[in-house]
Amino acid sequence: LAGLSMVATTFSSDTPNLVTDIVRRQGVAGNWVWWSFVLTGVLTVFFYARLWRRSGVLTDLEFYELRYSGKAAGFVRGFRSVYLGLFFNSMIMATVNLAACKIAAVLFGLDRWQTLLGVGLLNVIFATHAGLWGVLVIDMVQFFIKMTAVIAAAYFAVQLPQIGGLSGLVEKVSRLQGPGGINYLDILPDFTNHWDIAVAVFIMPIAIQWWAVWYPGAEPGGGSYIAQRMLASRSEKDALGAVLFFNIAHYVLRPWPWILVALSSLIIYPELSDIQRAFPHLDPSLIGHDIAFPAMLKFLPVGFIGLMVGGLIAANSSTILTHLNWGASYLVHDLYRRFIKKDADERHYVRAGRLVTVGLFLFSSSLVFFLDTAKDAFDIILQVGAGTGLLYLVRWFWWRVNAWAEVAAMVSSFFVSIALLVGRKYGVDLSTHAALLVTIGVTTVCWVATAFLGPVTDQATLVAFYKKVRPFGPGWTRIREAAGITADEARTTRENIPLALVGWMSGSVLIWSSLFTVGNFLYGRMEYALGLLGVCLLSGAVLIWVINRLWSSPSMRSGAAG
């Protein structure tokens, strides 16, 4: 249930629009901007899921006062509850509702405010009464509705006479030349003739972005609603299994129906002007490559349009409900209850949560009017989160990381991103990957310097954290010795780092090879598909062996028993 909820949450109404936007601008290979996060997700499975479960916190922001000490720990918890729960969270909801507005404008001719009113009434009423358990259950139902709807959309798109089935789609799209001369169908970019494009869409994401950038649902080290679901799991084993299922379903089951619709749209609507002519009533400010996905829905048979509308409502609701619940828990539990009103009864905090839920939706809805396309919004979120990812990986394995290092990372990444956005307005226009590198470099220097030069976390806090969570590796040797725990005693947790590394790599290879097996099968490239299927089966066998070894350890059995 937790794993399905993670998948449903990341399958929002803007996701098909985003993938369509990427494919039309950069080809299928452009999706490496999010396929690279496979490394982040599988890393969480084998190194972080059990640590989160052992921490025993209710929200991931409670971690700060468990891991750090003094006023700085409380400040980080409160600051991050506003930074993520209000601003970052609202930005994500705004991108989701922007997609809903574009879809409703194409299918029903609704204005932005009319769409926002409709989705607001639906989601806010449910979120204020259901809580996390209700969100988890509805996510499970919505996932199957959404998958059925997008598969139907892909099927009817490729069956159009202008497309001519899968073989016709591949033949016609292969004759098209994309921006910069790219081949839209390439799963990997062309490293021989388009090096600059290859750097932007493949090398940067696979070499740097996956560990350096914080993005909701693909957080280095876990966090946000992924941590929320892990913390709600019954045991370490359940948490690990939920995250593993999420990553397989997220990257293997979902992308190709969206990609097929996006590729079909290149034939039906080669230029944005073609979309404008097909839908003359559309607000020109809504026209972008991301609107090609809802524009393709007009070719669905009448009955399937109803299914698609239901699927898109489900997609919107599952994400908005999770973000409303997540943001309200941050702002009420980690800010209001912790720092402002500490001694009220539970009914008071429930009422506060409902008011915050309404406020979050209203604030995020106002941001919808300032956004243009799904890809541009995605790039902004990546930019603001750039440089903080490495800290979230390292803080579990190095005692020296302190609370002020977290503040330095968040503040520096935010202000560098703002400076770059302002510079763009005045003609200083760096490419997306160059801007990411600048933000990552400045942010990393700031937080590492703060870790070495800033106040050290109180030793008693570090010892208590170590005893409870039992982080492994040499970064905690000093604290382990201060806790009076010998190396032999520490090894009783049976943390097998080499085995976990094998699991990480085999899991990543399994997901990518499965993804590309499906893609090559759809392209009709059976030799490639069979070769990749062999890689998939081999990596899957290794992964099963690793999981069986890890789950048979005493720590995992005791976790399951607890």
Protein backbone atom coordinates (compact mmCIF):
# COMPACT_ATOMS: atom_id res chain seq x y z
CA LEU A 1 0.00 0.00 0.00
CA ALA A 2 2.83 2.42 0.89
CA GLY A 3 4.68 1.62 -2.35
CA LEU A 4 1.53 2.07 -4.47
CA SER A 5 0.88 5.38 -2.74
CA MET A 6 4.39 6.60 -3.58
CA VAL A 7 3.85 5.73 -7.25
CA ALA A 8 0.39 7.29 -7.37
CA THR A 9 1.65 10.49 -5.75
CA THR A 10 4.42 10.99 -8.32
CA PHE A 11 1.94 10.25 -11.14
CA SER A 12 0.23 13.62 -11.16
CA SER A 13 -1.75 15.42 -13.82
CA ASP A 14 1.37 17.33 -14.88
CA THR A 15 3.52 14.20 -15.38
CA PRO A 16 2.21 13.24 -18.85
CA ASN A 17 2.43 16.92 -19.83
CA LEU A 18 6.02 17.12 -18.56
CA VAL A 19 7.13 13.99 -20.43
CA THR A 20 5.43 15.27 -23.60
CA ASP A 21 7.19 18.62 -23.18
CA ILE A 22 10.56 16.86 -22.79
CA VAL A 23 10.06 14.54 -25.79
CA ARG A 24 9.00 17.36 -28.10
CA ARG A 25 11.98 19.52 -27.10
CA GLN A 26 14.75 16.96 -26.56
CA GLY A 27 13.50 13.61 -27.83
CA VAL A 28 13.02 10.45 -25.78
CA ALA A 29 16.61 10.75 -24.50
CA GLY A 30 15.65 13.99 -22.73
CA ASN A 31 13.88 11.86 -20.12
CA TRP A 32 17.27 11.06 -18.59
CA VAL A 33 16.69 14.25 -16.62
CA TRP A 34 14.42 12.11 -14.42
CA TRP A 35 15.50 8.56 -15.34
CA SER A 36 18.82 9.37 -13.66
CA PHE A 37 16.98 9.50 -10.33
CA VAL A 38 16.83 5.68 -10.48
CA LEU A 39 20.23 5.82 -8.77
CA THR A 40 18.79 7.98 -5.98
CA GLY A 41 15.74 5.81 -5.46
CA VAL A 42 17.54 2.46 -5.34
CA LEU A 43 20.22 3.96 -3.09
CA THR A 44 17.45 4.80 -0.64
CA VAL A 45 16.27 1.17 -0.76
CA PHE A 46 19.60 -0.33 0.29
CA PHE A 47 21.15 2.36 2.48
CA TYR A 48 18.53 4.70 3.90
CA ALA A 49 15.10 3.07 4.26
CA ARG A 50 16.10 1.07 7.35
CA LEU A 51 17.84 4.10 8.91
CA TRP A 52 14.67 6.15 8.57
CA ARG A 53 12.64 3.36 10.18
CA ARG A 54 15.09 3.06 13.11
CA SER A 55 14.89 6.80 13.77
CA GLY A 56 11.26 6.35 14.86
CA VAL A 57 10.28 9.93 13.97
CA LEU A 58 6.76 10.90 12.92
CA THR A 59 7.83 13.29 10.13
CA ASP A 60 11.21 13.59 8.47
CA LEU A 61 11.61 17.06 10.02
CA GLU A 62 11.68 15.52 13.51
CA PHE A 63 14.97 14.03 12.36
CA TYR A 64 16.67 17.39 12.88
CA GLU A 65 16.16 17.47 16.63
CA LEU A 66 17.17 13.82 16.85
CA ARG A 67 20.36 14.34 14.83
CA TYR A 68 21.39 17.88 15.91
CA SER A 69 21.47 19.80 19.19
CA GLY A 70 20.69 23.19 20.65
CA LYS A 71 18.71 26.07 19.21
CA ALA A 72 20.17 25.41 15.77
CA ALA A 73 18.35 22.06 15.59
CA GLY A 74 15.01 23.66 16.42
CA PHE A 75 15.69 26.51 14.00
CA VAL A 76 16.41 24.11 11.13
CA ARG A 77 13.24 22.16 11.88
CA GLY A 78 11.11 25.30 11.93
CA PHE A 79 12.84 26.92 8.94
CA ARG A 80 12.57 23.80 6.82
CA SER A 81 8.90 23.32 7.71
CA VAL A 82 8.20 26.71 6.09
CA TYR A 83 10.77 26.34 3.28
CA LEU A 84 9.43 22.94 2.21
CA GLY A 85 5.92 22.83 3.65
CA LEU A 86 4.87 26.23 2.34
CA PHE A 87 7.06 27.52 -0.50
CA PHE A 88 8.49 24.38 -2.14
CA ASN A 89 5.31 22.40 -1.58
CA SER A 90 3.14 25.16 -3.04
CA MET A 91 5.37 25.42 -6.10
CA ILE A 92 4.90 21.71 -6.80
CA MET A 93 1.13 21.91 -6.35
CA ALA A 94 1.09 24.92 -8.68
CA THR A 95 2.79 22.89 -11.46
CA VAL A 96 0.26 20.08 -10.98
CA ASN A 97 -2.69 22.47 -11.11
CA LEU A 98 -1.20 24.29 -14.12
CA ALA A 99 -1.44 20.99 -15.99
CA ALA A 100 -5.03 20.55 -14.78
CA CYS A 101 -5.85 24.02 -16.12
CA LYS A 102 -4.35 23.19 -19.53
CA ILE A 103 -6.20 19.89 -19.75
CA ALA A 104 -9.52 21.47 -18.74
CA ALA A 105 -8.98 24.34 -21.20
CA VAL A 106 -8.48 21.87 -24.09
CA LEU A 107 -11.28 19.44 -23.19
CA PHE A 108 -13.90 21.77 -21.71
CA GLY A 109 -12.84 25.35 -22.51
CA LEU A 110 -12.59 26.27 -18.82
CA ASP A 111 -10.66 29.29 -17.55
CA ARG A 112 -7.91 28.83 -14.97
CA TRP A 113 -10.01 30.07 -12.06
CA GLN A 114 -12.85 27.68 -12.91
CA THR A 115 -10.52 24.68 -12.96
CA LEU A 116 -8.83 25.72 -9.72
CA LEU A 117 -12.22 26.13 -8.03
CA GLY A 118 -13.27 22.62 -9.07
CA VAL A 119 -10.09 20.78 -8.06
CA GLY A 120 -9.88 22.89 -4.91
CA LEU A 121 -13.30 21.90 -3.64
CA LEU A 122 -12.64 18.23 -4.40
CA ASN A 123 -9.17 17.98 -2.87
CA VAL A 124 -9.42 20.32 0.11
CA ILE A 125 -12.64 18.73 1.41
CA PHE A 126 -11.13 15.24 1.16
CA ALA A 127 -7.74 16.22 2.60
CA THR A 128 -9.24 17.98 5.63
CA HIS A 129 -11.26 14.90 6.61
CA ALA A 130 -9.30 11.84 5.46
CA GLY A 131 -5.76 12.20 6.84
CA LEU A 132 -2.79 10.09 5.71
CA TRP A 133 -4.54 6.70 5.85
CA GLY A 134 -7.35 7.93 3.62
CA VAL A 135 -4.80 9.34 1.18
CA LEU A 136 -2.96 5.98 1.07
CA VAL A 137 -6.13 4.01 0.31
CA ILE A 138 -7.41 6.40 -2.36
CA ASP A 139 -3.94 6.45 -3.96
CA MET A 140 -4.14 2.69 -4.49
CA VAL A 141 -7.48 2.97 -6.30
CA GLN A 142 -6.39 5.99 -8.32
CA PHE A 143 -3.18 4.34 -9.54
CA PHE A 144 -5.08 1.64 -11.43
CA ILE A 145 -7.55 4.17 -12.86
CA LYS A 146 -4.71 6.37 -14.09
CA MET A 147 -2.71 3.54 -15.67
CA THR A 148 -5.78 2.25 -17.52
CA ALA A 149 -6.51 5.74 -18.83
CA VAL A 150 -3.00 6.52 -20.13
CA ILE A 151 -2.63 3.10 -21.77
CA ALA A 152 -5.94 3.73 -23.56
CA ALA A 153 -4.68 7.18 -24.64
CA ALA A 154 -1.50 5.65 -26.09
CA TYR A 155 -3.42 2.88 -27.88
CA PHE A 156 -5.86 5.22 -29.62
CA ALA A 157 -3.08 7.71 -30.45
CA VAL A 158 -1.00 5.18 -32.38
CA GLN A 159 -4.12 3.77 -34.09
CA LEU A 160 -4.94 7.10 -35.74
CA PRO A 161 -4.85 6.93 -39.56
CA GLN A 162 -2.22 9.71 -39.59
CA ILE A 163 0.02 7.53 -37.39
CA GLY A 164 -0.52 4.04 -38.82
CA GLY A 165 0.21 1.90 -35.75
CA LEU A 166 3.50 1.41 -33.95
CA SER A 167 5.44 0.66 -37.13
CA GLY A 168 4.02 3.76 -38.81
CA LEU A 169 4.85 5.87 -35.76
CA VAL A 170 8.47 4.71 -35.71
CA GLU A 171 8.87 5.17 -39.47
CA LYS A 172 7.37 8.68 -39.55
CA VAL A 173 9.05 10.02 -36.41
CA SER A 174 12.44 8.66 -37.52
CA ARG A 175 12.19 10.92 -40.59
CA LEU A 176 11.64 14.00 -38.42
CA GLN A 177 14.60 16.07 -37.28
CA GLY A 178 14.31 17.63 -33.84
CA PRO A 179 15.93 20.75 -32.38
CA GLY A 180 19.67 20.69 -33.03
CA GLY A 181 19.22 17.79 -35.46
CA ILE A 182 18.34 15.21 -32.75
CA ASN A 183 16.61 11.92 -33.52
CA TYR A 184 13.44 11.93 -31.43
CA LEU A 185 13.45 8.13 -31.01
CA ASP A 186 16.95 7.79 -29.53
CA ILE A 187 16.88 6.43 -25.98
CA LEU A 188 20.50 7.51 -25.53
CA PRO A 189 21.67 10.84 -26.99
CA ASP A 190 24.04 10.98 -29.96
CA PHE A 191 27.52 11.40 -28.47
CA THR A 192 29.20 11.84 -31.86
CA ASN A 193 27.37 14.76 -33.46
CA HIS A 194 25.48 16.42 -30.60
CA TRP A 195 27.91 16.51 -27.68
CA ASP A 196 26.40 19.64 -26.12
CA ILE A 197 22.95 18.03 -26.10
CA ALA A 198 24.40 14.78 -24.71
CA VAL A 199 26.00 16.73 -21.84
CA ALA A 200 22.73 18.46 -21.00
CA VAL A 201 20.34 15.51 -21.22
CA PHE A 202 22.53 12.55 -20.17
CA ILE A 203 25.98 13.27 -18.72
CA MET A 204 24.88 15.95 -16.25
CA PRO A 205 21.92 13.94 -14.88
CA ILE A 206 23.77 10.61 -14.64
CA ALA A 207 27.04 12.03 -13.28
CA ILE A 208 25.94 14.85 -11.00
CA GLN A 209 22.25 15.64 -10.82
CA TRP A 210 21.04 12.42 -9.15
CA TRP A 211 23.13 12.95 -6.01
CA ALA A 212 23.40 16.74 -5.95
CA VAL A 213 19.80 17.86 -6.48
CA TRP A 214 16.91 17.62 -4.03
CA TYR A 215 13.65 16.90 -5.85
CA PRO A 216 10.43 15.68 -4.15
CA GLY A 217 9.95 11.97 -4.72
CA ALA A 218 13.63 11.53 -5.69
CA GLU A 219 15.37 12.99 -2.64
CA PRO A 220 18.95 11.85 -2.03
CA GLY A 221 18.71 9.82 1.17
CA GLY A 222 14.92 9.83 1.16
CA GLY A 223 12.64 12.53 2.50
CA SER A 224 9.28 14.35 2.09
CA TYR A 225 6.37 12.00 1.29
CA ILE A 226 8.75 9.09 0.53
CA ALA A 227 10.01 9.29 4.12
CA GLN A 228 6.42 9.79 5.31
CA ARG A 229 5.43 6.45 3.74
CA MET A 230 8.57 4.68 5.02
CA LEU A 231 7.91 5.94 8.54
CA ALA A 232 4.31 4.70 8.31
CA SER A 233 5.48 1.17 7.35
CA ARG A 234 5.27 -1.58 9.98
CA SER A 235 8.92 -2.63 9.83
CA GLU A 236 12.28 -2.04 8.17
CA LYS A 237 11.50 -4.86 5.74
CA ASP A 238 8.16 -3.29 4.76
CA ALA A 239 9.80 0.12 4.28
CA LEU A 240 12.54 -1.37 2.09
CA GLY A 241 10.04 -3.36 0.02
CA ALA A 242 7.75 -0.34 -0.45
CA VAL A 243 10.58 1.86 -1.77
CA LEU A 244 11.83 -0.91 -4.08
CA PHE A 245 8.34 -1.46 -5.53
CA PHE A 246 7.92 2.30 -5.97
CA ASN A 247 11.10 2.60 -8.02
CA ILE A 248 10.27 -0.33 -10.30
CA ALA A 249 6.69 0.85 -10.92
CA HIS A 250 7.72 4.51 -11.23
CA TYR A 251 10.33 3.97 -13.92
CA VAL A 252 9.23 0.78 -15.71
CA LEU A 253 5.41 0.65 -15.73
CA ARG A 254 4.51 4.25 -16.44
CA PRO A 255 6.69 6.14 -18.97
CA TRP A 256 6.05 4.47 -22.35
CA PRO A 257 2.32 5.26 -22.73
CA TRP A 258 3.18 8.94 -22.21
CA ILE A 259 6.12 8.73 -24.63
CA LEU A 260 3.98 7.12 -27.34
CA VAL A 261 1.40 9.91 -27.06
CA ALA A 262 4.20 12.51 -27.15
CA LEU A 263 5.76 10.99 -30.27
CA SER A 264 2.35 10.79 -31.95
CA SER A 265 1.79 14.48 -31.19
CA LEU A 266 4.89 15.34 -33.25
CA ILE A 267 3.08 14.03 -36.33
CA ILE A 268 -0.35 15.48 -35.55
CA TYR A 269 0.91 18.85 -34.22
CA PRO A 270 4.44 19.43 -35.56
CA GLU A 271 4.43 23.07 -34.42
CA LEU A 272 2.79 24.92 -31.53
CA SER A 273 0.88 26.97 -34.11
CA ASP A 274 -0.86 23.75 -35.17
CA ILE A 275 -2.22 23.33 -31.63
CA GLN A 276 -3.38 26.94 -31.58
CA ARG A 277 -5.23 26.47 -34.88
CA ALA A 278 -6.84 23.23 -33.66
CA PHE A 279 -8.03 24.94 -30.45
CA PRO A 280 -8.62 28.61 -31.32
CA HIS A 281 -10.43 29.24 -28.02
CA LEU A 282 -7.29 28.48 -25.97
CA ASP A 283 -5.67 31.25 -23.96
CA PRO A 284 -2.37 31.92 -25.82
CA SER A 285 -0.53 32.00 -22.46
CA LEU A 286 -1.34 28.30 -22.03
CA ILE A 287 0.25 27.27 -25.33
CA GLY A 288 3.44 25.28 -24.85
CA HIS A 289 4.80 21.88 -25.82
CA ASP A 290 3.28 20.41 -22.65
CA ILE A 291 -0.25 21.10 -23.91
CA ALA A 292 0.28 18.64 -26.78
CA PHE A 293 -0.69 15.76 -24.45
CA PRO A 294 -4.19 17.06 -23.64
CA ALA A 295 -4.51 18.13 -27.30
CA MET A 296 -4.10 14.47 -28.31
CA LEU A 297 -6.97 13.44 -26.06
CA LYS A 298 -9.54 14.85 -28.47
CA PHE A 299 -9.01 11.73 -30.62
CA LEU A 300 -10.25 9.39 -27.89
CA PRO A 301 -13.68 7.74 -28.37
CA VAL A 302 -16.40 9.31 -26.26
CA GLY A 303 -16.45 6.58 -23.60
CA PHE A 304 -12.70 6.66 -23.20
CA ILE A 305 -12.68 10.43 -22.84
CA GLY A 306 -14.75 9.88 -19.70
CA LEU A 307 -12.20 7.32 -18.48
CA MET A 308 -9.35 9.72 -19.24
CA VAL A 309 -11.05 12.59 -17.43
CA GLY A 310 -11.53 10.30 -14.44
CA GLY A 311 -7.90 9.22 -14.66
CA LEU A 312 -6.63 12.80 -14.84
CA ILE A 313 -8.83 13.83 -11.91
CA ALA A 314 -7.39 10.87 -10.01
CA ALA A 315 -3.87 11.89 -11.03
CA ASN A 316 -4.43 15.43 -9.83
CA SER A 317 -6.08 14.35 -6.59
CA SER A 318 -3.49 11.77 -5.56
CA THR A 319 -0.67 14.32 -5.81
CA ILE A 320 -2.50 17.34 -4.43
CA LEU A 321 -3.91 15.31 -1.51
CA THR A 322 -0.45 14.05 -0.60
CA HIS A 323 1.11 17.50 -0.80
CA LEU A 324 -1.68 19.08 1.21
CA ASN A 325 -1.30 16.37 3.87
CA TRP A 326 2.50 16.59 3.78
CA GLY A 327 2.58 20.40 3.92
CA ALA A 328 -0.01 20.58 6.70
CA SER A 329 1.92 18.03 8.79
CA TYR A 330 5.08 20.13 8.42
CA LEU A 331 3.44 23.45 9.25
CA VAL A 332 1.27 22.17 12.12
CA HIS A 333 3.38 19.40 13.68
CA ASP A 334 6.87 20.81 13.05
CA LEU A 335 6.19 24.55 13.33
CA TYR A 336 2.93 25.46 15.03
CA ARG A 337 2.82 22.66 17.61
CA ARG A 338 6.56 22.66 18.22
CA PHE A 339 7.18 26.40 18.54
CA ILE A 340 3.93 28.38 18.79
CA LYS A 341 1.13 26.48 20.56
CA LYS A 342 2.68 23.61 22.51
CA ASP A 343 -0.03 22.65 25.00
CA ALA A 344 -3.34 22.53 23.11
CA ASP A 345 -5.51 19.42 22.83
CA GLU A 346 -5.62 17.24 19.73
CA ARG A 347 -8.86 18.74 18.43
CA HIS A 348 -7.15 22.13 18.28
CA TYR A 349 -4.34 20.75 16.11
CA VAL A 350 -6.82 18.96 13.86
CA ARG A 351 -8.65 22.27 13.28
CA ALA A 352 -5.33 24.00 12.68
CA GLY A 353 -4.40 21.33 10.14
CA ARG A 354 -7.66 21.89 8.26
CA LEU A 355 -7.15 25.66 8.14
CA VAL A 356 -3.56 25.22 6.95
CA THR A 357 -4.74 22.80 4.24
CA VAL A 358 -7.13 25.43 2.86
CA GLY A 359 -4.44 28.12 3.04
CA LEU A 360 -1.90 25.94 1.24
CA PHE A 361 -4.25 25.32 -1.65
CA LEU A 362 -5.13 29.01 -2.00
CA PHE A 363 -1.47 30.06 -1.96
CA SER A 364 -0.41 27.40 -4.47
CA SER A 365 -3.34 28.31 -6.73
CA SER A 366 -2.13 31.92 -6.89
CA LEU A 367 1.23 30.68 -8.22
CA VAL A 368 -0.48 28.94 -11.16
CA PHE A 369 -0.94 32.33 -12.83
CA PHE A 370 2.84 32.92 -12.90
CA LEU A 371 3.86 29.62 -14.57
CA ASP A 372 4.03 28.83 -18.29
CA THR A 373 4.99 25.18 -19.01
CA ALA A 374 5.62 21.95 -17.10
CA LYS A 375 9.28 21.73 -18.18
CA ASP A 376 10.07 25.32 -17.15
CA ALA A 377 8.52 24.71 -13.72
CA PHE A 378 10.45 21.42 -13.41
CA ASP A 379 13.72 23.22 -14.19
CA ILE A 380 13.01 25.88 -11.54
CA ILE A 381 12.41 23.22 -8.87
CA LEU A 382 15.62 21.41 -9.84
CA GLN A 383 17.53 24.69 -9.76
CA VAL A 384 16.36 25.66 -6.26
CA GLY A 385 17.13 22.16 -4.91
CA ALA A 386 20.58 22.00 -6.54
CA GLY A 387 23.60 21.43 -4.29
CA THR A 388 21.70 20.24 -1.22
CA GLY A 389 21.46 16.57 -2.21
CA LEU A 390 24.99 15.60 -1.19
CA LEU A 391 24.43 16.91 2.33
CA TYR A 392 21.29 14.78 2.72
CA LEU A 393 23.30 11.71 1.73
CA VAL A 394 26.31 12.48 3.94
CA ARG A 395 24.54 13.55 7.14
CA TRP A 396 23.67 9.91 7.95
CA PHE A 397 27.30 8.78 7.66
CA TRP A 398 29.41 11.68 8.96
CA TRP A 399 28.97 13.01 12.47
CA ARG A 400 30.56 16.35 11.60
CA VAL A 401 27.56 17.59 9.55
CA ASN A 402 25.76 20.09 11.80
CA ALA A 403 22.48 22.00 11.81
CA TRP A 404 24.01 25.20 10.48
CA ALA A 405 25.40 23.27 7.50
CA GLU A 406 21.80 22.44 6.56
CA VAL A 407 20.82 26.12 6.86
CA ALA A 408 23.82 27.15 4.76
CA ALA A 409 22.88 24.64 2.05
CA MET A 410 19.24 25.75 1.82
CA VAL A 411 19.96 29.49 1.95
CA SER A 412 22.87 29.42 -0.51
CA SER A 413 21.04 27.26 -3.08
CA PHE A 414 17.97 29.49 -2.85
CA PHE A 415 19.82 32.80 -3.27
CA VAL A 416 22.12 31.54 -6.02
CA SER A 417 19.04 30.30 -7.90
CA ILE A 418 17.31 33.66 -7.46
CA ALA A 419 20.45 35.48 -8.64
CA LEU A 420 20.61 33.30 -11.76
CA LEU A 421 16.91 33.85 -12.50
CA VAL A 422 17.34 37.62 -12.11
CA GLY A 423 20.47 37.50 -14.28
CA ARG A 424 18.47 35.75 -16.98
CA LYS A 425 16.03 38.65 -17.01
CA TYR A 426 18.96 41.01 -17.72
CA GLY A 427 20.57 38.94 -20.46
CA VAL A 428 22.95 36.72 -18.44
CA ASP A 429 21.46 33.49 -19.71
CA LEU A 430 23.31 30.35 -18.63
CA SER A 431 22.21 26.97 -19.96
CA THR A 432 20.22 24.83 -17.54
CA HIS A 433 23.10 22.44 -16.84
CA ALA A 434 25.61 25.30 -16.45
CA ALA A 435 23.30 27.01 -13.94
CA LEU A 436 22.97 23.71 -12.05
CA LEU A 437 26.76 23.35 -11.87
CA VAL A 438 27.16 26.90 -10.53
CA THR A 439 24.48 26.35 -7.87
CA ILE A 440 25.87 22.94 -6.88
CA GLY A 441 29.42 24.29 -6.59
CA VAL A 442 28.54 27.33 -4.47
CA THR A 443 26.13 25.40 -2.24
CA THR A 444 28.56 22.54 -1.61
CA VAL A 445 31.40 24.91 -0.67
CA CYS A 446 29.08 26.76 1.73
CA TRP A 447 27.76 23.73 3.61
CA VAL A 448 31.09 21.85 3.78
CA ALA A 449 32.82 24.98 5.13
CA THR A 450 30.04 25.35 7.71
CA ALA A 451 30.39 21.69 8.74
CA PHE A 452 34.09 22.22 9.49
CA LEU A 453 33.96 25.75 10.86
CA GLY A 454 30.53 25.89 12.50
CA PRO A 455 29.53 24.78 16.02
CA VAL A 456 29.89 21.05 16.64
CA THR A 457 26.75 19.10 17.54
CA ASP A 458 26.62 18.21 21.23
CA GLN A 459 28.31 14.83 21.82
CA ALA A 460 25.47 13.51 23.98
CA THR A 461 23.05 14.12 21.09
CA LEU A 462 25.36 12.37 18.64
CA VAL A 463 25.81 9.39 20.98
CA ALA A 464 22.04 9.07 21.50
CA PHE A 465 21.48 9.28 17.72
CA TYR A 466 24.12 6.63 17.06
CA LYS A 467 22.69 4.23 19.63
CA LYS A 468 19.18 4.58 18.22
CA VAL A 469 19.84 4.59 14.47
CA ARG A 470 23.18 2.71 14.29
CA PRO A 471 24.52 4.46 11.16
CA PHE A 472 27.42 2.49 9.69
CA GLY A 473 30.75 3.39 8.14
CA PRO A 474 33.94 5.11 9.32
CA GLY A 475 32.29 8.54 9.61
CA TRP A 476 30.88 7.57 13.04
CA THR A 477 33.94 5.84 14.52
CA ARG A 478 34.66 8.68 16.95
CA ILE A 479 31.06 8.74 18.22
CA ARG A 480 30.86 4.94 18.43
CA GLU A 481 33.95 4.94 20.66
CA ALA A 482 32.47 7.74 22.80
CA ALA A 483 29.33 5.62 23.18
CA GLY A 484 31.43 2.75 24.53
CA ILE A 485 30.45 0.43 21.68
CA THR A 486 33.20 -1.76 20.28
CA ALA A 487 33.67 -2.46 16.59
CA ASP A 488 32.56 -6.06 17.17
CA GLU A 489 29.34 -4.90 18.87
CA ALA A 490 28.66 -2.48 16.01
CA ARG A 491 28.98 -5.33 13.53
CA THR A 492 26.09 -7.19 15.17
CA THR A 493 23.71 -5.07 13.10
CA ARG A 494 25.06 -7.03 10.10
CA GLU A 495 25.27 -3.95 7.85
CA ASN A 496 26.89 -5.39 4.74
CA ILE A 497 28.05 -2.39 2.71
CA PRO A 498 29.54 -4.39 -0.22
CA LEU A 499 26.32 -6.42 -0.49
CA ALA A 500 24.22 -3.25 -0.35
CA LEU A 501 26.36 -1.75 -3.14
CA VAL A 502 25.72 -4.85 -5.27
CA GLY A 503 22.01 -4.48 -4.57
CA TRP A 504 22.12 -0.80 -5.52
CA MET A 505 23.83 -1.44 -8.85
CA SER A 506 21.82 -4.56 -9.76
CA GLY A 507 18.55 -2.80 -8.87
CA SER A 508 19.46 0.20 -11.02
CA VAL A 509 20.47 -2.02 -13.96
CA LEU A 510 17.24 -4.03 -13.58
CA ILE A 511 15.07 -0.92 -13.76
CA TRP A 512 16.90 0.66 -16.71
CA SER A 513 17.14 -2.59 -18.70
CA SER A 514 13.42 -3.28 -18.10
CA LEU A 515 12.54 0.24 -19.20
CA PHE A 516 14.58 -0.06 -22.40
CA THR A 517 13.39 -3.62 -23.12
CA VAL A 518 9.84 -2.27 -23.30
CA GLY A 519 10.95 0.68 -25.43
CA ASN A 520 12.84 -1.39 -27.99
CA PHE A 521 9.98 -3.89 -28.18
CA LEU A 522 7.60 -1.02 -29.02
CA TYR A 523 10.06 0.28 -31.60
CA GLY A 524 10.13 -3.19 -33.21
CA ARG A 525 13.84 -3.63 -32.50
CA MET A 526 13.53 -7.20 -31.34
CA GLU A 527 17.28 -8.00 -31.23
CA TYR A 528 17.93 -5.13 -28.83
CA ALA A 529 14.82 -6.01 -26.83
CA LEU A 530 15.90 -9.65 -26.37
CA GLY A 531 19.45 -8.64 -25.41
CA LEU A 532 18.15 -6.18 -22.85
CA LEU A 533 15.70 -8.78 -21.56
CA GLY A 534 18.69 -11.03 -20.83
CA VAL A 535 20.36 -8.20 -18.89
CA CYS A 536 17.08 -7.65 -17.07
CA LEU A 537 16.78 -11.31 -16.02
CA LEU A 538 20.42 -11.51 -14.90
CA SER A 539 20.30 -8.30 -12.86
CA GLY A 540 16.95 -9.39 -11.41
CA ALA A 541 18.44 -12.70 -10.24
CA VAL A 542 21.32 -10.84 -8.57
CA LEU A 543 18.87 -8.43 -6.93
CA ILE A 544 16.74 -11.28 -5.54
CA TRP A 545 19.86 -12.95 -4.14
CA VAL A 546 20.96 -9.70 -2.45
CA ILE A 547 17.49 -9.05 -1.00
CA ASN A 548 17.24 -12.57 0.40
CA ARG A 549 20.65 -12.18 2.05
CA LEU A 550 19.77 -8.78 3.52
CA TRP A 551 16.30 -9.75 4.71
CA SER A 552 17.63 -12.84 6.41
CA SER A 553 19.84 -10.72 8.69
CA PRO A 554 18.94 -10.55 12.42
CA SER A 555 18.34 -6.80 12.27
CA MET A 556 15.76 -7.17 9.53
CA ARG A 557 14.00 -10.04 11.31
CA SER A 558 13.84 -8.10 14.55
CA GLY A 559 12.57 -5.06 12.63
CA ALA A 560 9.81 -7.14 11.11
CA ALA A 561 8.93 -8.57 14.49
CA GLY A 562 8.66 -5.08 15.96
